Amino acid sequence: MKALLPRSLLALLTLTLTAAGCGDALAFEVNAAVEEFKVPGDPELFHLGAPLDEGQVPPIPISLSGLSRGSITVVALRFFSLPTVAEDGTLTDGLDFLHHVDVIVEPTRASSTLPRRRLGIWTGPAKPGTNSLPMVVDPTFDLRPYAQDGFQLRIGTGGLVPYGDVTIKGEMRLRINPL
C-alpha cells in the first residue's frame, strides 16, 4: 500500500500540472511554408480598375501528420510577394492591388465531417509598396483533427486585377503541443 501512495501522488501531480497549463512546457514552434501561387495580372484590366476574381487561387494542400494527440495551432500566418517580371519588363512584386485575403481550412477527404473554417484574415486595402501581409489568426483553433484527416487551404482574395502577374508565397508558424 505504501508503494501505491507515491505513485498515486505522482499521477495526481502530473494530472494537476498538465491541467494547470504546465503541459505547455513541452510545446514547440515550427515554421511551415505555404506553397507559392500566382495571381494573374492584365495591363488592360488594371487600367480599367477591374475587380479581382475571388476564386482564382487553386487550393493549396498542406501535409501535417504524426500527431495523434495534443494540439496544432497557428501562431502566425504571413503572405509575401516574390519578384515577378511582367511581359513589358516591369517588376510586379507589390501586393497593393489587394483589399482583403481570407484563408479557409477545408478537409480533403470527401467523407470528412469536419467543417470548412476560417484560419486567417487580412483586411486592407494594402498601401502602395506593400510586399508582406500578416494575417490575423485564431491561436486557439486546433488543426490536429484536420491534419489527421488531410486538409488544404483555400485562399480568397479581393481587390483589383494587378498590372502583371504577382507570385505570392506564405509561411505559417505552428505551435505543436504533444500533450
Foldseek 3Di string as FASTA:
>chain_A
DVVVVVVVVVVVVVVVCVVVPVLLVQKDKDKDKFDKWKQFFAQVQVVVQAKGDFQPTDWTWDADDDQPDFFKFWPWKKKFWDWDAFPVRDTDTAQLQFAKKWKWKDAPDPPDPDDIGTAWMFGHNDDPPHGMTITDGDRVDTCVVRNVRTIIIGMTTIGGGDNGMIMMMMMTMMMTRND
